[in-house]
Structure formats: C-alpha cells, structure tokens
Protein backbone atom coordinates (compact mmCIF):
# COMPACT_ATOMS: atom_id res chain seq x y z
CA MET A 1 -24.19 44.13 41.31
CA ILE A 2 -25.78 41.48 39.09
CA SER A 3 -26.58 44.09 36.44
CA ILE A 4 -22.93 45.24 36.45
CA ILE A 5 -21.64 41.68 36.00
CA PHE A 6 -24.22 41.07 33.29
CA GLY A 7 -23.12 44.27 31.53
CA ILE A 8 -19.45 43.23 31.69
CA LEU A 9 -20.29 39.83 30.23
CA LEU A 10 -22.29 41.41 27.41
CA SER A 11 -19.44 43.81 26.67
CA ALA A 12 -16.94 40.94 26.61
CA LEU A 13 -19.15 38.93 24.26
CA ALA A 14 -19.62 41.94 22.00
CA LEU A 15 -15.85 42.56 21.91
CA PHE A 16 -15.23 38.88 21.13
CA ALA A 17 -17.83 38.87 18.33
CA THR A 18 -16.40 42.09 16.89
CA SER A 19 -12.88 40.62 16.98
CA LEU A 20 -14.04 37.48 15.17
CA PHE A 21 -15.86 39.55 12.55
CA THR A 22 -12.80 41.75 12.01
CA LEU A 23 -10.52 38.71 11.79
CA ARG A 24 -12.89 37.04 9.33
CA ASN A 25 -12.92 40.08 7.05
CA TRP A 26 -9.14 40.46 7.24
CA VAL A 27 -8.49 36.78 6.43
CA ARG A 28 -10.89 36.84 3.50
CA SER A 29 -9.33 40.02 2.10
CA CYS A 30 -5.92 38.31 2.29
CA LYS A 31 -7.44 35.32 0.55
CA LYS A 32 -8.73 37.52 -2.30
CA LYS A 33 -5.29 39.06 -2.77
CA LEU A 34 -3.75 35.58 -2.77
CA ASN A 35 -6.24 34.36 -5.37
CA GLY A 36 -5.47 37.42 -7.44
CA SER A 37 -1.78 36.56 -7.43
CA PHE A 38 -2.50 32.98 -8.52
CA GLU A 39 -5.54 33.45 -10.75
CA GLY A 40 -7.22 30.19 -11.69
CA THR A 41 -5.28 28.24 -9.05
CA VAL A 42 -6.95 26.31 -6.23
CA ASN A 43 -4.91 26.59 -3.01
CA ILE A 44 -5.03 23.37 -0.97
CA ALA A 45 -3.57 23.31 2.53
CA PHE A 46 -2.88 20.24 4.66
CA PHE A 47 -2.68 20.69 8.43
CA HIS A 48 0.07 18.32 9.54
CA PRO A 49 2.26 19.85 12.30
CA TYR A 50 4.51 16.75 12.42
CA CYS A 51 4.84 16.15 8.68
CA ASN A 52 8.47 15.03 9.11
CA ALA A 53 7.73 12.36 11.74
CA GLY A 54 7.93 9.37 9.40
CA GLY A 55 4.90 7.46 10.69
CA GLY A 56 1.79 5.98 9.10
CA GLY A 57 -0.06 9.29 9.30
CA GLU A 58 2.69 10.91 7.27
CA ARG A 59 2.41 8.23 4.59
CA VAL A 60 -1.28 9.16 4.27
CA LEU A 61 -0.33 12.84 3.89
CA TRP A 62 2.24 12.33 1.16
CA CYS A 63 0.20 9.81 -0.79
CA ALA A 64 -2.69 12.29 -0.69
CA VAL A 65 -0.44 15.08 -1.97
CA ARG A 66 0.87 12.87 -4.77
CA ALA A 67 -2.65 11.80 -5.77
CA LEU A 68 -3.89 15.40 -5.99
CA GLN A 69 -0.85 16.52 -7.98
CA ALA A 70 -1.37 13.66 -10.44
CA LYS A 71 -5.05 14.48 -11.02
CA TYR A 72 -5.22 18.29 -10.93
CA ASP A 73 -3.12 20.78 -12.88
CA ASN A 74 -4.49 24.01 -11.41
CA ILE A 75 -3.62 23.46 -7.75
CA LYS A 76 -1.07 24.74 -5.28
CA ILE A 77 -0.22 22.42 -2.36
CA VAL A 78 0.78 23.88 1.00
CA ILE A 79 1.71 21.92 4.13
CA TYR A 80 1.26 23.57 7.53
CA THR A 81 4.09 22.14 9.62
CA GLY A 82 5.82 22.84 12.91
CA ASP A 83 9.09 21.25 11.78
CA ILE A 84 10.82 24.64 11.77
CA ASP A 85 14.31 23.08 11.93
CA SER A 86 13.79 21.11 8.69
CA SER A 87 14.13 22.65 5.26
CA PRO A 88 11.62 21.80 2.51
CA ASN A 89 14.34 19.87 0.68
CA SER A 90 15.25 17.78 3.74
CA ILE A 91 11.58 17.00 4.45
CA LEU A 92 10.91 15.83 0.89
CA LYS A 93 14.16 13.87 0.85
CA LYS A 94 13.08 12.05 4.00
CA VAL A 95 9.68 11.34 2.42
CA GLN A 96 11.44 9.66 -0.49
CA GLY A 97 13.83 7.76 1.76
CA THR A 98 11.26 6.64 4.33
CA PHE A 99 8.21 5.97 2.18
CA ASN A 100 9.59 5.73 -1.36
CA ILE A 101 7.12 8.49 -2.34
CA ASN A 102 8.04 11.23 -4.78
CA VAL A 103 5.95 14.42 -4.94
CA ASP A 104 6.25 17.42 -7.23
CA GLU A 105 8.73 19.63 -5.37
CA GLN A 106 7.88 22.66 -7.50
CA ASN A 107 4.24 22.45 -6.46
CA THR A 108 4.78 21.63 -2.78
CA SER A 109 5.49 24.42 -0.32
CA PHE A 110 5.53 24.69 3.45
CA VAL A 111 4.13 27.18 5.93
CA TYR A 112 6.15 26.91 9.12
CA LEU A 113 4.24 27.21 12.40
CA LYS A 114 6.13 28.47 15.46
CA ARG A 115 3.56 27.48 18.09
CA ARG A 116 3.50 23.71 17.64
CA MET A 117 4.38 23.25 21.29
CA LEU A 118 0.77 24.19 22.07
CA VAL A 119 -0.44 20.79 20.85
CA GLU A 120 2.16 18.72 22.72
CA THR A 121 0.95 16.61 25.63
CA LYS A 122 3.77 17.67 27.97
CA PHE A 123 2.14 21.10 28.34
CA TYR A 124 -1.12 19.59 29.59
CA PRO A 125 -0.55 17.14 32.46
CA TYR A 126 -4.25 17.57 33.27
CA PHE A 127 -7.22 18.05 30.91
CA THR A 128 -4.94 16.95 28.08
CA LEU A 129 -7.69 16.50 25.48
CA LEU A 130 -9.10 19.98 26.07
CA GLY A 131 -5.67 21.60 26.32
CA GLN A 132 -4.42 20.12 23.07
CA SER A 133 -7.67 20.97 21.31
CA LEU A 134 -7.56 24.60 22.41
CA GLY A 135 -3.88 24.69 21.51
CA SER A 136 -4.72 23.40 18.04
CA ILE A 137 -7.12 26.31 17.56
CA ILE A 138 -4.32 28.80 18.26
CA LEU A 139 -1.97 26.85 16.00
CA GLY A 140 -4.66 26.72 13.33
CA LEU A 141 -5.18 30.47 13.65
CA GLU A 142 -1.47 31.00 13.05
CA ALA A 143 -1.72 28.80 9.94
CA LEU A 144 -4.82 30.58 8.65
CA CYS A 145 -3.29 34.03 9.08
CA LYS A 146 -0.10 33.00 7.29
CA PHE A 147 -1.84 31.33 4.36
CA PRO A 148 -5.64 31.31 3.89
CA PRO A 149 -6.40 28.45 1.45
CA ASP A 150 -9.41 27.61 -0.70
CA ILE A 151 -9.50 24.00 0.53
CA TYR A 152 -8.35 22.92 3.98
CA ILE A 153 -7.68 19.27 4.88
CA ASP A 154 -6.71 18.18 8.38
CA THR A 155 -4.75 14.92 8.29
CA THR A 156 -3.70 14.70 11.94
CA GLY A 157 -6.95 14.65 13.91
CA TYR A 158 -7.10 18.26 15.11
CA ALA A 159 -10.83 18.55 14.54
CA PHE A 160 -11.13 21.81 16.48
CA THR A 161 -9.41 23.59 13.58
CA LEU A 162 -12.27 22.69 11.22
CA PRO A 163 -14.79 25.41 12.26
CA LEU A 164 -11.95 27.95 12.28
CA PHE A 165 -11.13 27.39 8.61
CA ARG A 166 -14.76 26.97 7.59
CA TYR A 167 -16.33 29.99 9.29
CA ILE A 168 -13.40 32.38 9.63
CA GLY A 169 -11.40 31.35 6.57
CA GLY A 170 -14.37 30.64 4.30
CA CYS A 171 -12.71 27.41 3.15
CA LYS A 172 -14.08 24.12 1.97
CA VAL A 173 -13.06 21.73 4.73
CA GLY A 174 -12.15 18.06 4.78
CA CYS A 175 -10.45 15.76 7.26
CA TYR A 176 -8.82 12.35 7.44
CA VAL A 177 -9.41 10.78 10.85
CA HIS A 178 -6.84 8.22 11.97
CA TYR A 179 -8.14 7.97 15.50
CA PRO A 180 -11.04 9.80 17.19
CA THR A 181 -9.80 12.27 19.81
CA ILE A 182 -12.30 10.74 22.20
CA SER A 183 -14.25 7.52 21.84
CA MET A 184 -16.99 5.64 23.62
CA ASP A 185 -14.37 3.03 24.54
CA MET A 186 -12.38 5.70 26.41
CA LEU A 187 -15.49 6.84 28.24
CA ARG A 188 -16.38 3.26 29.12
CA ARG A 189 -12.89 2.60 30.53
CA VAL A 190 -13.16 5.65 32.80
CA GLN A 191 -16.67 4.67 33.92
CA GLN A 192 -15.51 1.14 34.74
CA ARG A 193 -12.39 2.52 36.44
CA GLU A 194 -9.93 0.59 34.31
CA TYR A 195 -6.28 1.61 34.43
CA CYS A 196 -4.63 2.61 31.11
CA HIS A 197 -2.16 5.18 29.80
CA ASN A 198 -4.84 7.91 29.73
CA ASN A 199 -6.62 6.89 32.94
CA GLN A 200 -4.08 7.07 35.74
CA ALA A 201 -4.16 5.09 38.99
CA TYR A 202 -5.14 8.06 41.17
CA VAL A 203 -8.28 8.53 39.02
CA VAL A 204 -9.15 4.82 39.14
CA ARG A 205 -8.88 4.72 42.94
CA ASN A 206 -11.07 7.78 43.60
CA PRO A 207 -14.81 7.50 42.73
CA PHE A 208 -15.33 11.29 42.91
CA ILE A 209 -12.46 12.06 40.51
CA THR A 210 -13.76 9.29 38.25
CA TRP A 211 -17.20 10.96 38.23
CA LEU A 212 -15.64 14.33 37.38
CA LYS A 213 -13.64 12.78 34.55
CA VAL A 214 -16.76 11.10 33.13
CA ILE A 215 -18.53 14.50 33.07
CA TYR A 216 -15.47 16.09 31.48
CA TYR A 217 -15.28 13.37 28.80
CA TRP A 218 -19.02 13.63 28.11
CA LEU A 219 -18.87 17.42 27.63
CA PHE A 220 -15.76 17.13 25.49
CA ALA A 221 -17.47 14.50 23.32
CA LYS A 222 -20.34 16.97 22.70
CA LEU A 223 -17.86 19.65 21.60
CA TYR A 224 -15.99 17.14 19.47
CA SER A 225 -19.24 16.17 17.77
CA TRP A 226 -20.01 19.79 16.85
CA VAL A 227 -16.58 20.60 15.41
CA GLY A 228 -16.54 17.36 13.43
CA GLN A 229 -19.83 18.19 11.76
CA CYS A 230 -18.19 21.31 10.31
CA SER A 231 -16.30 19.16 7.81
CA ASP A 232 -17.65 18.97 4.26
CA THR A 233 -16.15 15.52 3.73
CA ILE A 234 -14.87 13.07 6.34
CA MET A 235 -12.46 10.24 5.65
CA VAL A 236 -11.83 7.49 8.20
CA ASN A 237 -9.15 4.85 8.05
CA SER A 238 -10.94 1.73 9.28
CA THR A 239 -14.21 0.11 10.29
CA TRP A 240 -13.43 0.76 13.96
CA THR A 241 -12.82 4.48 13.40
CA GLU A 242 -15.85 4.73 11.11
CA ASN A 243 -18.15 3.25 13.76
CA HIS A 244 -16.94 5.72 16.38
CA ILE A 245 -17.01 8.78 14.12
CA ARG A 246 -20.54 7.95 12.94
CA ASP A 247 -21.68 7.62 16.57
CA LEU A 248 -19.91 10.81 17.67
CA TRP A 249 -20.39 13.11 14.68
CA GLY A 250 -23.66 11.72 13.35
CA VAL A 251 -23.10 12.56 9.66
CA PRO A 252 -22.84 9.15 7.93
CA PHE A 253 -23.62 10.56 4.47
CA LYS A 254 -20.39 12.62 4.62
CA THR A 255 -18.26 9.82 6.07
CA HIS A 256 -16.10 7.69 3.78
CA ARG A 257 -13.94 4.71 4.73
CA VAL A 258 -10.59 5.21 3.02
CA TYR A 259 -8.05 2.61 4.11
CA PRO A 260 -4.58 4.14 4.55
CA PRO A 261 -1.96 3.46 1.86
CA CYS A 262 0.34 0.56 2.58
CA GLU A 263 3.47 -0.28 0.63
CA VAL A 264 2.18 -3.72 -0.33
CA LYS A 265 2.99 -3.84 -4.05
CA ASN A 266 6.75 -3.61 -3.74
CA ILE A 267 6.93 -5.40 -0.40
CA LYS A 268 5.15 -8.44 -1.84
CA LYS A 269 7.87 -8.65 -4.48
CA LEU A 270 10.59 -8.98 -1.86
CA LYS A 271 12.44 -12.26 -1.90
CA ARG A 272 12.38 -13.77 1.56
CA ASN A 273 15.77 -14.24 3.16
CA GLU A 274 14.72 -15.86 6.41
CA ASN A 275 17.53 -17.51 8.39
CA THR A 276 16.28 -20.84 9.71
CA ASP A 277 18.93 -20.76 12.45
CA ASN A 278 17.30 -17.66 13.94
CA ILE A 279 13.73 -16.68 14.81
CA LEU A 280 13.42 -12.96 14.11
CA ILE A 281 10.32 -11.17 15.45
CA LEU A 282 9.72 -7.68 14.04
CA SER A 283 7.76 -4.80 15.60
CA ILE A 284 6.95 -1.64 13.58
CA GLY A 285 5.51 1.48 15.22
CA GLN A 286 6.27 4.94 16.55
CA PHE A 287 7.51 5.15 20.13
CA ARG A 288 4.23 6.49 21.47
CA PRO A 289 2.61 5.32 24.74
CA GLU A 290 -0.48 3.87 23.07
CA LYS A 291 1.66 1.47 21.01
CA ASP A 292 2.31 -0.39 24.30
CA HIS A 293 5.85 -1.57 23.61
CA PRO A 294 6.18 -2.78 27.22
CA LEU A 295 3.63 -5.50 26.40
CA GLN A 296 5.99 -6.79 23.71
CA LEU A 297 8.81 -7.02 26.25
CA GLN A 298 6.50 -8.77 28.70
CA ALA A 299 5.51 -11.24 25.96
CA MET A 300 9.20 -11.98 25.35
CA TYR A 301 9.66 -12.53 29.07
CA GLU A 302 6.73 -14.98 29.11
CA LEU A 303 8.11 -16.75 26.03
CA ARG A 304 11.48 -17.18 27.73
CA THR A 305 9.71 -18.63 30.78
CA ILE A 306 7.85 -21.14 28.60
CA LEU A 307 11.09 -22.09 26.83
CA SER A 308 13.11 -22.28 30.05
CA ARG A 309 13.74 -25.98 29.42
CA ASN A 310 14.78 -25.39 25.83
CA GLU A 311 17.51 -22.78 26.14
CA ASP A 312 18.92 -23.52 22.70
CA LEU A 313 15.60 -22.62 21.07
CA TRP A 314 15.24 -19.46 23.18
CA ASN A 315 18.70 -18.30 22.14
CA LYS A 316 17.51 -18.31 18.52
CA VAL A 317 14.69 -15.86 19.27
CA LYS A 318 15.25 -12.13 18.80
CA LEU A 319 12.80 -9.22 18.86
CA VAL A 320 13.69 -6.16 16.76
CA ILE A 321 11.61 -3.08 17.61
CA VAL A 322 11.66 -0.49 14.81
CA GLY A 323 10.14 2.92 15.44
CA SER A 324 10.40 6.64 14.87
CA CYS A 325 10.76 9.36 17.50
CA ARG A 326 9.03 12.72 17.04
CA ASN A 327 10.32 14.63 20.07
CA GLU A 328 12.12 14.42 23.40
CA SER A 329 9.22 12.60 25.03
CA ASP A 330 9.48 9.80 22.46
CA TYR A 331 13.24 9.49 23.02
CA GLU A 332 12.68 9.38 26.77
CA ARG A 333 10.10 6.65 26.21
CA LEU A 334 12.62 4.72 24.11
CA LYS A 335 15.17 4.96 26.92
CA ASN A 336 12.59 3.60 29.36
CA MET A 337 11.95 0.65 27.02
CA GLN A 338 15.68 -0.10 26.89
CA ASP A 339 15.88 0.05 30.68
CA LEU A 340 12.87 -2.29 30.98
CA ALA A 341 14.53 -4.77 28.61
CA LYS A 342 17.59 -4.81 30.87
CA HIS A 343 15.42 -5.17 33.96
CA LEU A 344 13.76 -8.24 32.41
CA SER A 345 17.20 -9.56 31.36
CA LEU A 346 16.20 -9.35 27.70
CA GLU A 347 18.98 -7.04 26.49
CA ASN A 348 20.53 -9.87 24.44
CA SER A 349 17.18 -10.82 22.90
CA VAL A 350 15.77 -7.39 22.06
CA GLU A 351 17.17 -4.74 19.70
CA PHE A 352 15.81 -1.20 19.19
CA LYS A 353 16.19 0.58 15.84
CA VAL A 354 15.20 4.26 15.56
CA ASN A 355 14.21 6.25 12.43
CA VAL A 356 15.21 3.44 10.08
CA HIS A 357 15.73 4.22 6.39
CA PHE A 358 13.25 2.59 4.00
CA GLN A 359 15.87 0.35 2.37
CA ASP A 360 17.06 -0.92 5.75
CA LEU A 361 13.45 -1.62 6.70
CA LEU A 362 13.01 -3.70 3.55
CA GLN A 363 15.96 -5.87 4.58
CA LEU A 364 14.33 -6.48 7.95
CA TYR A 365 11.08 -7.40 6.20
CA GLN A 366 12.97 -10.05 4.24
CA LYS A 367 14.63 -11.57 7.30
CA ALA A 368 11.80 -11.59 9.86
CA GLY A 369 9.42 -14.55 10.10
CA ILE A 370 7.05 -13.22 12.76
CA GLY A 371 5.54 -9.76 13.31
CA ILE A 372 4.13 -8.36 16.55
CA HIS A 373 1.85 -5.39 17.23
CA THR A 374 0.44 -4.63 20.67
CA MET A 375 -1.62 -1.42 20.55
CA TRP A 376 -5.10 -1.68 22.07
CA ASN A 377 -7.72 -0.41 19.62
CA GLU A 378 -5.17 0.38 16.94
CA HIS A 379 -7.19 2.52 14.56
CA PHE A 380 -5.89 0.59 11.56
CA GLY A 381 -2.37 -0.83 11.54
CA ILE A 382 -0.23 0.01 8.50
CA GLY A 383 2.72 -1.83 10.06
CA VAL A 384 0.54 -4.91 10.48
CA VAL A 385 -0.41 -4.92 6.79
CA GLU A 386 3.15 -4.36 5.57
CA CYS A 387 4.49 -7.18 7.73
CA MET A 388 1.84 -9.50 6.27
CA ALA A 389 2.71 -8.37 2.73
CA ALA A 390 6.35 -9.21 3.43
CA GLY A 391 5.40 -12.76 4.35
CA MET A 392 5.57 -12.51 8.13
CA ILE A 393 3.02 -14.25 10.31
CA MET A 394 1.44 -11.45 12.32
CA VAL A 395 0.43 -11.48 15.98
CA ALA A 396 -1.66 -8.35 16.71
CA HIS A 397 -3.99 -7.08 19.41
CA ARG A 398 -7.51 -8.48 19.35
CA SER A 399 -9.18 -5.09 18.89
CA GLY A 400 -9.55 -2.15 16.50
CA GLY A 401 -8.37 -2.38 12.91
CA PRO A 402 -6.46 -5.69 13.19
CA LEU A 403 -9.60 -7.40 14.50
CA LEU A 404 -12.22 -5.76 12.26
CA ASP A 405 -10.36 -5.22 9.00
CA ILE A 406 -7.04 -7.01 8.70
CA ILE A 407 -6.56 -10.34 10.46
CA GLU A 408 -8.73 -13.43 10.06
CA THR A 409 -8.25 -16.30 12.50
CA SER A 410 -10.98 -18.71 11.34
CA GLU A 411 -9.86 -22.17 10.37
CA GLY A 412 -9.44 -22.46 6.61
CA SER A 413 -8.93 -18.71 6.07
CA GLN A 414 -6.44 -17.85 8.81
CA ASN A 415 -3.93 -15.16 7.86
CA GLY A 416 -2.53 -14.32 11.31
CA TYR A 417 -3.01 -14.44 15.07
CA LEU A 418 -4.76 -12.19 17.61
CA ALA A 419 -3.92 -11.83 21.30
CA VAL A 420 -4.50 -9.55 24.29
CA SER A 421 -2.28 -10.48 27.24
CA ALA A 422 1.47 -11.11 27.35
CA ILE A 423 0.93 -14.84 27.87
CA GLU A 424 -1.43 -15.00 24.87
CA TYR A 425 1.17 -13.27 22.70
CA ALA A 426 3.84 -15.67 23.94
CA ASN A 427 1.63 -18.69 23.19
CA CYS A 428 0.85 -17.42 19.69
CA ILE A 429 4.55 -16.96 18.95
CA LEU A 430 5.21 -20.43 20.34
CA SER A 431 2.51 -21.89 18.07
CA ILE A 432 4.14 -20.29 15.03
CA ILE A 433 7.54 -21.66 16.07
CA TYR A 434 6.19 -25.18 16.46
CA ASN A 435 3.82 -25.15 13.48
CA SER A 436 4.66 -27.29 10.49
CA LYS A 437 6.25 -25.49 7.55
CA GLU A 438 3.17 -26.30 5.45
CA LEU A 439 0.79 -24.64 7.93
CA ASN A 440 2.94 -21.53 8.28
CA ASP A 441 3.26 -21.24 4.49
CA THR A 442 -0.52 -21.47 4.17
CA ILE A 443 -0.97 -18.65 6.69
CA ARG A 444 1.69 -16.53 4.96
CA ASN A 445 0.14 -17.00 1.53
CA ALA A 446 -3.32 -16.11 2.87
CA ALA A 447 -1.86 -12.99 4.50
CA ARG A 448 -0.15 -11.83 1.32
CA SER A 449 -3.29 -12.42 -0.74
CA SER A 450 -5.45 -10.38 1.66
CA VAL A 451 -3.54 -7.09 1.61
CA GLU A 452 -4.18 -5.85 -1.94
CA ARG A 453 -7.21 -3.86 -0.75
CA PHE A 454 -4.83 -1.75 1.35
CA SER A 455 -2.50 -0.72 -1.48
CA GLU A 456 -1.44 2.83 -2.31
CA GLU A 457 -3.40 2.61 -5.57
CA GLU A 458 -6.62 1.75 -3.72
CA PHE A 459 -6.04 4.60 -1.28
CA GLU A 460 -5.55 7.15 -4.06
CA VAL A 461 -8.75 6.10 -5.87
CA ASN A 462 -10.85 6.29 -2.70
CA PHE A 463 -9.19 9.48 -1.43
CA LEU A 464 -9.82 11.35 -4.68
CA ARG A 465 -13.43 10.15 -4.71
CA ALA A 466 -13.93 11.43 -1.15
CA VAL A 467 -12.43 14.90 -1.77
CA THR A 468 -14.22 15.50 -5.09
CA PRO A 469 -17.03 17.51 -3.38
CA LEU A 470 -14.43 19.99 -2.16
CA PHE A 471 -13.47 20.79 -5.72
CA ASN A 472 -16.97 20.70 -7.18
CA GLU A 473 -18.16 23.35 -4.74
CA SER A 474 -15.01 25.45 -4.40
C-alpha cells in the first residue's frame, strides 16, 4: 500500500515537473518571437492589478514609468492590470487628473488580466495571506502567458510572482515593496494575542487557535523569504519596511531604500487660504481597513467631549476624510464609516469625499490647517508628507514611516505631532488649536522644509539607480 502511494506521489511530481518544463519552454519561445518583432527593444512589464485605484502605490507606478521613458529610448512599457472595465485612455486620463503625471501614451500599453478576483481578500475569509499569494501566482501566470517581458517589476507587493517570472519566464526581476506581506510585528501581535483587523477576537480568545496561527505565520514567513530572494533588485519605501525586508529576506546588498514620490514641489507653492473662522482637519487615504478611519471618528468624539464647555469652538471644527475606493468592499467600508459618524452624532462635523480630482484636492490642501493620519505601522505615508508640504500641522500614528522617517517631535525641530489612542489624537489637535500663531507657524515652516527629500525628482533618481542592474544584465 505504501509503495503504491509512493508511486502515485512520484508520478504526480514527475507530471508537475514536466508541465513546468513544457510551460517554461513555451513561454521562452513566445518571448523569442516577441523580441523578434521588436528587435532591439527591451520589454518592461509592471505588475499592478489595481493600476487605476488612485492611491499612493499608483503614484509610485506612474512616476516609475515616466522616469524610465525619460531615460531609455529602446524600451516598451506594459502594465499588467485587472481594470478590465477601463480603457487605456481613461486610465491615463485619470493618472493625469489624480496625480498630475503625464506618461508617453504611445509607449504605454496594457495587458488586461481577467482573474484579478483571485487576489481579493473577500475570497479568502481564512488563510488570507496564503490564499492571496497563491491567487497571485495564478494571476501572474496569466500575465506571463499573455506577455512574457525581458524585465519584470512588481509594484504591488505580490512577491510570490517573482520566482514565476524569474525561473519560468527567464526575466530579470525587480520589486518595489510598500508593505511586507507579513512582518515580525504581525507575528508578535498574534503571539501576544492582541486584537486587530487581521487578528480577530475568536483567535485572541482561543490559545490553541492562536498557536496554530503562529505556526501558520511562521511557515508563511519562510516561504515569503524564499520568494523575495528571487528578486534581482529590491526597493523599499521607508526605514520601517527596509528593516523588516532585511530581516525577512536577508539580502541587504540588493535592498535599496527609495522613498515614494510625493507631490511636494507644486504643493509647497500653494497659497494658503485658511479660514480663521473654521478649523478644518484633513485626512487623506484609501478606504482600506488598515487605515483605521474609525480611530479618526473616535478622536473627533473625544475632542467634542473635551470641548463640551466650549460649544462655539467645537462648532468651528470639521473633519474632511478624502479617500479612494477600489472595489465594493471599500464602498461598503465607507458606508460603515458614515453610519459610525451618525452613531457618534458627528454627521455635522465630518464629511466624506470619494475619488477626489487632483485640482479639488489642492483646494482642500489650501484650506485645511490640521492633517490627521491614523494607520498603525503605516509603511511610509505619502498623504502625511503632502499635508506637511501644504502647510498643515500633521498628527500621525506613532509608528512606521511617520515615526521613523517623516515626523520629528523634539523641541526645537518639531514639524508635527504623533499619537496612538483617540484621546492622544484629540489632545494633539487641541494643542494645535490653542497654540500661539508663532508656534504653529514655526512647526509649519519646519514641516515644509523637511519634505524635499520625498520629492518626485528624488524618487526618480533613486529608482533609476536601483533598477540599473536589470538593464546592465538584460
């Protein structure tokens, strides 16, 4: 019986190996034909299934495309996207409207992927990390079969596609990591049985399930380490991400810190139009669970409690939450935020704006005096930087990129505030309200002076330096 089972397993492994070998040969023959059609051209493909989402990750993508097009003449840019309902023209028009970024339309094409649903969280209520990662392999296989490139760059964090393109596609491989799929912080939270959006209450309450999840996370981290090491060059967006990727992937000599591009140059030129009769607080961020918008509403609730004896001052305060929605789950999340605002009796003090045009966002930058950002371990924080460039005094979470790279709270060099709990956020906002104009101006000026290192120009220089090995060896 054992010999029969062993024979079946060997046969299955042999069939699998044969299939991979056949697929590899087929993909590489397609690649040769493609190179023959575009002789002398280097085909560069970006894996970005949500390229039309309008978030910070998309700004990285389009700035990278623009930088490559400006430097190299003999390249063809292809974007792997799952936005099958959006035409190339509408996508590029949104890029210009949202980010004020113009790319060469003649040299930018799209490969539409029909299986994007395989990387969406709603399909994996359990073992989400593993499910999405396996789904990304299938989606990556679809992309590879439709267009085998010379250089492959993942800009969305689907690291499990890297070995696929390297070993099956024979590509030079690079990646830009916004946020590690798994981190030691996540593992620590599970071990310590802390509740968060990816560690539900039923796991926290049950020691056995907690133990199983720790084992699962540990094994996944080992897999994640192996696939990450398949990349020829690795770009990370912050000190926090760099520390985790170096610990997980263990290839520091291939890891480059490339801060994401922020629209600081033009935003700094904006003339402030702050209304002293109103106190406008601005929040920028996609409507994703990790952004923790409920904490912003709780902070407003705490602020109202503190100002209960000064109703006139409270009536001047308004929070405007600006964000983009990628799918139905994000819109459902937005609806829940609106319902929570009503439950907390904040509907007159909170306004939600969805998928705002770039020009409308600039007007909000001019009017707002305070910015708020509440994500725990935000990998970087493009919205934080842009708010600071616009002259807002920023209150961000005391963790991740805001803590390690962006905001300084030391006396004499303060350029913003850091907080963790709702009451801390409320107290920081209250301090800004009651600060003297001179102190607030000093903080604003320090903030604006500190953001030049996060400009689009700096990103392009560092991005091109990091991807040079892909071209030298291709």
